[in-house]
Amino acid sequence: MKLNIGCGNDYRKGYKNIDISRKVKADEYYDISKVICEKSSTIDEIIANGVLEQFEKNKTFRFILNECHRVLKKDGILKGQVPSTNMSVLCLDPWDRRWFLVETFEDFNINEIAWQNFGKQYGFLPWKDVVAEVDEYGIINFQMRPAVEKYAQNKRNLHN
């Protein structure tokens, strides 16, 4: 199964499209900052385009990333787009509350010292195969997979 969280106007066939707003076409309507309504380790892919930057509170942002980690299968993938600090996109959307650098994704990558020093300390579950690149419009396209082998037993503790 594949999810498209915060789908907005980007309804995708072959995905369960989720949004909080009933003004857009979605398959399910709920607030992903409270829960992602899927069983653990059941999702093959999650698309998160233009949604992660909407959450201002660090606790909420961490919760959503950790929920994505929880519901993804061991070999699942989280893909998405977020705004960079590039001046052309920094204040383009008045609802954006969070901006990113490519280096931000090092805090989520189990293979980077930034995850050990910051991401782990902040309560982010570890990710692997992390790729983040800025396109010509200043948007960061990213993808990452849950790193579960070593941390499966600690997953619940970090999630809370």
Protein backbone atom coordinates (compact mmCIF):
# COMPACT_ATOMS: atom_id res chain seq x y z
CA MET A 1 0.00 0.00 0.00
CA LYS A 2 1.12 3.56 -0.72
CA LEU A 3 0.15 6.79 1.05
CA ASN A 4 0.03 10.38 -0.18
CA ILE A 5 -0.10 12.41 3.04
CA GLY A 6 -1.28 16.00 2.92
CA CYS A 7 -2.32 15.36 -0.67
CA GLY A 8 -3.99 18.73 -1.24
CA ASN A 9 -4.77 19.01 -4.96
CA ASP A 10 -2.29 16.24 -5.82
CA TYR A 11 -4.69 13.26 -5.80
CA ARG A 12 -2.79 10.18 -7.00
CA LYS A 13 -4.19 6.93 -8.35
CA GLY A 14 -2.70 3.88 -6.68
CA TYR A 15 -2.24 5.74 -3.39
CA LYS A 16 -4.40 6.25 -0.34
CA ASN A 17 -4.67 10.05 -0.44
CA ILE A 18 -4.94 11.70 2.98
CA ASP A 19 -5.65 15.31 3.88
CA ILE A 20 -7.15 17.25 6.76
CA SER A 21 -9.14 19.56 4.48
CA ARG A 22 -12.45 18.43 3.05
CA LYS A 23 -12.04 21.11 0.35
CA VAL A 24 -9.77 18.75 -1.59
CA LYS A 25 -10.35 15.30 -3.02
CA ALA A 26 -8.92 12.64 -0.69
CA ASP A 27 -9.66 9.06 0.27
CA GLU A 28 -9.44 9.77 4.00
CA TYR A 29 -9.65 12.99 5.99
CA TYR A 30 -7.73 13.28 9.26
CA ASP A 31 -4.92 15.14 11.00
CA ILE A 32 -1.55 13.40 10.50
CA SER A 33 -0.13 15.40 13.41
CA LYS A 34 -2.27 13.18 15.69
CA VAL A 35 -1.76 9.77 14.04
CA ILE A 36 -1.23 8.08 10.71
CA CYS A 37 -4.08 5.59 10.69
CA GLU A 38 -2.18 2.55 9.42
CA LYS A 39 -0.77 -0.49 11.18
CA SER A 40 2.95 -0.61 11.84
CA SER A 41 5.21 -1.86 9.03
CA THR A 42 2.43 -2.10 6.42
CA ILE A 43 3.19 0.73 3.96
CA ASP A 44 5.49 0.44 0.93
CA GLU A 45 5.77 4.15 0.10
CA ILE A 46 4.77 7.52 1.49
CA ILE A 47 4.67 10.71 -0.55
CA ALA A 48 4.88 13.92 1.50
CA ASN A 49 4.93 16.81 -0.95
CA GLY A 50 4.46 20.26 0.52
CA VAL A 51 3.27 19.04 3.92
CA LEU A 52 6.18 18.72 6.38
CA GLU A 53 6.87 22.46 6.28
CA GLN A 54 3.36 23.17 7.54
CA PHE A 55 4.15 22.08 11.11
CA GLU A 56 5.78 24.75 13.23
CA LYS A 57 6.18 22.88 16.51
CA ASN A 58 9.25 20.67 16.71
CA LYS A 59 7.34 18.05 18.70
CA THR A 60 4.70 17.78 15.96
CA PHE A 61 7.28 17.62 13.15
CA ARG A 62 9.19 14.86 14.99
CA PHE A 63 5.96 12.95 15.65
CA ILE A 64 4.99 12.96 11.94
CA LEU A 65 8.42 11.74 10.79
CA ASN A 66 8.38 9.05 13.45
CA GLU A 67 4.86 8.01 12.43
CA CYS A 68 6.03 7.66 8.83
CA HIS A 69 8.90 5.52 10.12
CA ARG A 70 6.47 3.39 12.15
CA VAL A 71 4.05 2.59 9.33
CA LEU A 72 6.65 1.97 6.61
CA LYS A 73 7.78 -1.56 5.90
CA LYS A 74 11.44 -2.39 6.50
CA ASP A 75 12.22 -1.68 2.84
CA GLY A 76 9.63 1.13 2.49
CA ILE A 77 10.46 4.62 1.35
CA LEU A 78 9.44 8.15 2.30
CA LYS A 79 9.66 10.61 -0.60
CA GLY A 80 8.75 14.24 -0.66
CA GLN A 81 9.40 17.87 -1.32
CA VAL A 82 10.06 20.68 1.16
CA PRO A 83 11.08 24.30 0.67
CA SER A 84 14.73 25.20 1.03
CA THR A 85 16.03 28.42 2.51
CA ASN A 86 16.52 29.65 -1.05
CA MET A 87 15.26 33.25 -1.18
CA SER A 88 12.93 32.50 -4.09
CA VAL A 89 10.87 30.07 -1.99
CA LEU A 90 11.57 31.14 1.59
CA CYS A 91 8.42 33.22 2.03
CA LEU A 92 6.45 32.21 -1.06
CA ASP A 93 3.77 30.29 0.84
CA PRO A 94 2.39 32.17 3.87
CA TRP A 95 1.45 28.85 5.52
CA ASP A 96 4.99 27.45 5.53
CA ARG A 97 6.37 27.34 9.06
CA ARG A 98 9.56 25.35 8.51
CA TRP A 99 12.36 25.52 5.94
CA PHE A 100 15.14 23.10 5.19
CA LEU A 101 18.69 22.79 3.94
CA VAL A 102 19.99 19.66 2.27
CA GLU A 103 22.12 19.30 5.39
CA THR A 104 18.98 19.17 7.56
CA PHE A 105 18.47 15.60 6.40
CA GLU A 106 21.78 14.57 8.00
CA ASP A 107 19.99 14.83 11.37
CA PHE A 108 17.76 11.92 10.28
CA ASN A 109 20.49 9.78 8.65
CA ILE A 110 21.79 7.00 10.90
CA ASN A 111 25.06 7.06 8.93
CA GLU A 112 25.80 10.70 9.75
CA ILE A 113 27.35 12.05 12.93
CA ALA A 114 24.56 14.66 12.94
CA TRP A 115 22.03 11.91 13.75
CA GLN A 116 24.13 10.74 16.71
CA ASN A 117 24.74 14.28 17.98
CA PHE A 118 21.37 15.84 17.26
CA GLY A 119 18.69 13.72 15.59
CA LYS A 120 18.90 10.86 18.09
CA GLN A 121 18.99 13.32 21.00
CA TYR A 122 15.93 15.13 19.64
CA GLY A 123 14.01 11.84 19.40
CA PHE A 124 14.03 11.23 15.64
CA LEU A 125 13.95 7.59 14.64
CA PRO A 126 16.89 6.72 12.35
CA TRP A 127 16.67 6.68 8.56
CA LYS A 128 19.04 5.27 5.93
CA ASP A 129 19.62 5.70 2.20
CA VAL A 130 18.90 9.40 2.69
CA VAL A 131 19.08 11.54 -0.44
CA ALA A 132 18.22 15.24 -0.54
CA GLU A 133 18.78 17.54 -3.52
CA VAL A 134 17.71 21.08 -4.33
CA ASP A 135 16.06 21.56 -7.72
CA GLU A 136 16.30 24.67 -9.93
CA TYR A 137 13.28 26.19 -8.16
CA GLY A 138 14.78 25.96 -4.66
CA ILE A 139 12.70 22.96 -3.63
CA ILE A 140 14.39 20.07 -1.83
CA ASN A 141 13.42 16.66 -3.16
CA PHE A 142 14.20 13.96 -0.63
CA GLN A 143 13.85 10.26 -0.05
CA MET A 144 14.80 8.01 2.82
CA ARG A 145 14.16 4.55 4.20
CA PRO A 146 13.61 3.51 7.82
CA ALA A 147 16.71 2.11 9.50
CA VAL A 148 15.09 -0.58 11.60
CA GLU A 149 17.53 -3.43 12.00
CA LYS A 150 19.52 -2.08 14.94
CA TYR A 151 16.81 0.06 16.53
CA ALA A 152 13.65 -2.04 16.29
CA GLN A 153 13.54 -2.70 20.03
CA ASN A 154 13.97 1.03 20.84
CA LYS A 155 11.46 2.28 18.28
CA ARG A 156 8.57 2.57 20.73
CA ASN A 157 10.70 4.43 23.31
CA LEU A 158 11.95 6.98 20.76
CA HIS A 159 8.47 7.45 19.31
CA ASN A 160 6.97 8.62 22.61
